[in-house]
Amino acid sequence: MDVWEAIRKRRSIRKFKSDLIPDEKIRMLIESARLAPSGTNTQPWRFIVVKDEKTKKNLQEAAHNQAYIRRAPVIIICCADLSAFNEFSVRVEELIESGALSARTRDIFIPYLKKGMKTVTRKDLITAAATNVSIAVEHIVLRAVELGLGTCWVRWYDDNKVKEILEIPEFVEVMALLPLGIPDEDPDPRPRLSLDKLVYREKYGESYIQEHN
């Protein structure tokens, strides 16, 4: 299966078979997330794999009793470690050593980042982290399709309750719950906007598609 086929076949799955998911497949999914890109290679994503029935029941209740969450054999809790942004200089050094950045970055970019971090708010960090973690989660979602698995992004939950259930520290934010399992449904494609409503040429509002027909 190529990437384009995985994109086309992906669906939000809410009905799962009861089959257990081997740890090897879960590791393959997390490895796909690990290889995702992030700003300055910060890699703030963290994942909690939940299989325990009692914990799943508690997470369902925290997610406003969405029943399919508990029925999934696995729930991957997708988190952002905000403390990862304190390691900007370490990550930049790694990029320099790998050859991705020039050595002069050490004298220019690192001081700039350290100065900027003094004015960054927690809200700013959460916004940046959400973008980075979302990329990693979508890697999981598409790899799951290739492996014959289904997922569903879940963002409707009581954040504090999820943190309490999973003993998540204060410096970590929950970005999404990702129920995972073998699909027990095959939903039709959902409606999507046409390209002419999404793409503009040079400036907002100037149709790109129309001029290229």
Protein backbone atom coordinates (compact mmCIF):
# COMPACT_ATOMS: atom_id res chain seq x y z
CA MET A 1 0.00 0.00 0.00
CA ASP A 2 1.43 3.39 -0.95
CA VAL A 3 0.87 6.64 0.95
CA TRP A 4 -1.82 7.90 -1.43
CA GLU A 5 -3.84 4.71 -0.99
CA ALA A 6 -3.53 4.96 2.81
CA ILE A 7 -4.76 8.57 2.68
CA ARG A 8 -7.74 7.62 0.52
CA LYS A 9 -8.66 4.60 2.65
CA ARG A 10 -8.35 6.28 6.04
CA ARG A 11 -11.62 6.63 7.94
CA SER A 12 -12.56 7.60 11.47
CA ILE A 13 -13.39 4.17 12.90
CA ARG A 14 -15.82 3.85 15.82
CA LYS A 15 -16.59 0.13 15.62
CA PHE A 16 -13.78 -2.28 16.38
CA LYS A 17 -13.39 -6.04 16.41
CA SER A 18 -12.46 -7.55 19.78
CA ASP A 19 -9.16 -8.95 18.48
CA LEU A 20 -6.14 -7.98 20.55
CA ILE A 21 -3.48 -5.86 18.87
CA PRO A 22 0.05 -7.34 19.06
CA ASP A 23 2.65 -5.18 20.78
CA GLU A 24 4.81 -5.45 17.68
CA LYS A 25 2.22 -3.56 15.63
CA ILE A 26 1.88 -0.93 18.34
CA ARG A 27 5.65 -0.46 18.31
CA MET A 28 5.52 -0.04 14.53
CA LEU A 29 2.95 2.72 14.93
CA ILE A 30 4.93 4.54 17.60
CA GLU A 31 8.09 4.21 15.51
CA SER A 32 6.25 5.95 12.66
CA ALA A 33 5.44 8.79 15.05
CA ARG A 34 9.03 8.93 16.29
CA LEU A 35 10.24 9.69 12.77
CA ALA A 36 7.92 12.68 12.33
CA PRO A 37 9.37 16.18 11.78
CA SER A 38 9.15 18.90 14.43
CA GLY A 39 10.27 22.49 14.86
CA THR A 40 14.00 22.57 15.66
CA ASN A 41 13.70 18.79 16.07
CA THR A 42 12.08 19.36 19.49
CA GLN A 43 10.12 16.07 19.35
CA PRO A 44 7.68 16.95 22.17
CA TRP A 45 5.37 14.00 21.54
CA ARG A 46 4.83 11.43 24.26
CA PHE A 47 2.46 8.45 24.11
CA ILE A 48 0.68 6.33 26.70
CA VAL A 49 -0.58 2.94 25.47
CA VAL A 50 -3.66 1.81 27.38
CA LYS A 51 -5.09 -1.71 27.24
CA ASP A 52 -6.40 -2.17 30.79
CA GLU A 53 -10.20 -2.47 30.81
CA LYS A 54 -10.70 -0.43 33.97
CA THR A 55 -8.53 2.38 32.66
CA LYS A 56 -10.36 2.35 29.33
CA LYS A 57 -13.68 2.56 31.18
CA ASN A 58 -12.43 5.57 33.13
CA LEU A 59 -11.19 7.22 29.94
CA GLN A 60 -14.57 6.66 28.31
CA GLU A 61 -16.24 8.44 31.22
CA ALA A 62 -13.71 11.29 30.96
CA ALA A 63 -14.54 11.52 27.26
CA HIS A 64 -18.20 12.22 27.95
CA ASN A 65 -19.13 8.52 27.74
CA GLN A 66 -18.32 8.02 24.08
CA ALA A 67 -18.80 4.25 24.15
CA TYR A 68 -16.54 3.31 21.25
CA ILE A 69 -13.50 4.56 23.14
CA ARG A 70 -13.78 1.76 25.70
CA ARG A 71 -14.58 -0.83 23.04
CA ALA A 72 -11.30 -0.25 21.22
CA PRO A 73 -8.68 -2.88 22.18
CA VAL A 74 -6.11 -0.12 22.60
CA ILE A 75 -6.20 3.60 23.32
CA ILE A 76 -3.11 5.64 22.56
CA ILE A 77 -3.02 8.84 24.60
CA CYS A 78 -1.14 11.43 22.56
CA CYS A 79 0.60 14.02 24.71
CA ALA A 80 2.96 16.97 24.46
CA ASP A 81 5.83 17.39 26.90
CA LEU A 82 6.21 21.16 27.23
CA SER A 83 9.54 20.74 29.00
CA ALA A 84 10.97 19.52 25.70
CA PHE A 85 11.16 23.15 24.61
CA ASN A 86 13.77 23.75 27.31
CA GLU A 87 16.13 21.55 25.34
CA PHE A 88 16.25 23.71 22.21
CA SER A 89 20.01 24.14 22.45
CA VAL A 90 20.58 20.37 22.80
CA ARG A 91 18.42 19.63 19.77
CA VAL A 92 20.17 22.32 17.70
CA GLU A 93 23.54 20.86 18.64
CA GLU A 94 22.33 17.48 17.45
CA LEU A 95 21.24 18.99 14.14
CA ILE A 96 24.64 20.63 13.75
CA GLU A 97 26.43 17.35 14.47
CA SER A 98 24.23 15.53 11.95
CA GLY A 99 25.08 18.08 9.26
CA ALA A 100 21.52 19.39 8.97
CA LEU A 101 22.60 22.85 10.22
CA SER A 102 25.84 24.73 9.81
CA ALA A 103 28.18 25.26 12.77
CA ARG A 104 27.55 29.01 12.72
CA THR A 105 23.98 28.23 13.82
CA ARG A 106 25.42 27.61 17.28
CA ASP A 107 26.44 31.26 17.66
CA ILE A 108 23.40 32.80 15.96
CA PHE A 109 20.35 30.63 16.45
CA ILE A 110 20.86 29.24 19.94
CA PRO A 111 21.23 32.69 21.63
CA TYR A 112 18.19 33.85 19.65
CA LEU A 113 16.14 30.90 20.89
CA LYS A 114 17.22 31.34 24.50
CA LYS A 115 16.28 35.01 24.41
CA GLY A 116 12.93 34.27 22.79
CA MET A 117 12.05 31.58 25.34
CA LYS A 118 12.05 34.20 28.09
CA THR A 119 8.93 35.80 26.61
CA VAL A 120 7.10 32.64 25.52
CA THR A 121 3.92 31.86 27.45
CA ARG A 122 2.54 28.44 28.29
CA LYS A 123 -0.21 29.07 25.76
CA ASP A 124 2.43 29.68 23.09
CA LEU A 125 4.16 26.42 23.97
CA ILE A 126 0.89 24.48 23.82
CA THR A 127 0.15 25.91 20.37
CA ALA A 128 3.59 24.93 19.08
CA ALA A 129 3.40 21.52 20.72
CA ALA A 130 -0.06 20.82 19.29
CA THR A 131 1.23 21.42 15.76
CA ASN A 132 4.20 19.12 16.22
CA VAL A 133 2.29 16.35 17.98
CA SER A 134 -0.46 16.42 15.34
CA ILE A 135 2.09 15.60 12.65
CA ALA A 136 3.30 12.60 14.66
CA VAL A 137 -0.24 11.39 15.36
CA GLU A 138 -1.15 11.51 11.68
CA HIS A 139 1.90 9.35 10.97
CA ILE A 140 0.35 6.80 13.34
CA VAL A 141 -3.06 7.13 11.71
CA LEU A 142 -1.78 6.50 8.18
CA ARG A 143 0.56 3.66 9.19
CA ALA A 144 -2.40 2.06 10.97
CA VAL A 145 -4.29 1.92 7.67
CA GLU A 146 -1.34 0.13 6.08
CA LEU A 147 -1.36 -2.41 8.92
CA GLY A 148 -5.09 -3.08 8.57
CA LEU A 149 -5.98 -1.09 11.69
CA GLY A 150 -8.42 1.74 12.31
CA THR A 151 -8.24 4.84 14.49
CA CYS A 152 -10.30 7.87 15.40
CA TRP A 153 -9.00 11.24 16.57
CA VAL A 154 -10.78 12.16 19.82
CA ARG A 155 -10.54 15.69 21.16
CA TRP A 156 -13.76 15.85 23.21
CA TYR A 157 -12.79 14.94 26.76
CA ASP A 158 -12.27 16.45 30.20
CA ASP A 159 -8.57 17.23 30.15
CA ASN A 160 -8.16 17.27 33.93
CA LYS A 161 -9.90 13.93 34.35
CA VAL A 162 -7.71 12.27 31.72
CA LYS A 163 -4.61 13.65 33.44
CA GLU A 164 -5.80 12.39 36.81
CA ILE A 165 -6.58 8.90 35.50
CA LEU A 166 -3.18 8.53 33.85
CA GLU A 167 -1.15 10.45 36.46
CA ILE A 168 0.10 12.87 33.82
CA PRO A 169 2.40 15.57 35.23
CA GLU A 170 1.62 19.29 35.06
CA PHE A 171 4.15 20.03 32.32
CA VAL A 172 2.52 17.52 29.94
CA GLU A 173 -0.62 18.33 27.93
CA VAL A 174 -3.05 15.81 26.43
CA MET A 175 -3.45 16.48 22.71
CA ALA A 176 -5.74 13.61 21.66
CA LEU A 177 -7.08 10.18 22.51
CA LEU A 178 -6.59 7.67 19.70
CA PRO A 179 -8.73 4.51 19.96
CA LEU A 180 -7.09 1.75 17.92
CA GLY A 181 -8.17 -1.65 16.66
CA ILE A 182 -9.21 -3.76 13.70
CA PRO A 183 -12.14 -2.00 12.00
CA ASP A 184 -15.55 -3.63 12.27
CA GLU A 185 -17.07 -1.18 9.81
CA ASP A 186 -16.24 0.25 6.40
CA PRO A 187 -17.65 3.78 6.28
CA ASP A 188 -18.16 5.57 2.99
CA PRO A 189 -15.92 8.57 2.27
CA ARG A 190 -17.11 11.70 4.06
CA PRO A 191 -17.95 14.91 2.15
CA ARG A 192 -14.96 17.16 1.49
CA LEU A 193 -14.73 20.64 0.00
CA SER A 194 -13.61 20.84 -3.62
CA LEU A 195 -10.13 22.14 -4.44
CA ASP A 196 -11.46 25.37 -5.94
CA LYS A 197 -12.71 26.29 -2.45
CA LEU A 198 -9.35 25.54 -0.83
CA VAL A 199 -6.56 26.77 -3.08
CA TYR A 200 -5.78 30.33 -4.16
CA ARG A 201 -3.21 31.84 -6.51
CA GLU A 202 -0.77 34.46 -5.21
CA LYS A 203 -3.30 35.98 -2.77
CA TYR A 204 -6.36 34.92 -0.82
CA GLY A 205 -9.50 34.71 -2.94
CA GLU A 206 -7.85 34.40 -6.36
CA SER A 207 -8.75 30.93 -7.61
CA TYR A 208 -5.74 28.74 -8.41
CA ILE A 209 -7.65 25.79 -9.80
CA GLN A 210 -9.76 27.76 -12.28
CA GLU A 211 -6.72 29.29 -13.95
CA HIS A 212 -5.15 25.87 -14.39
CA ASN A 213 -8.11 24.08 -15.98
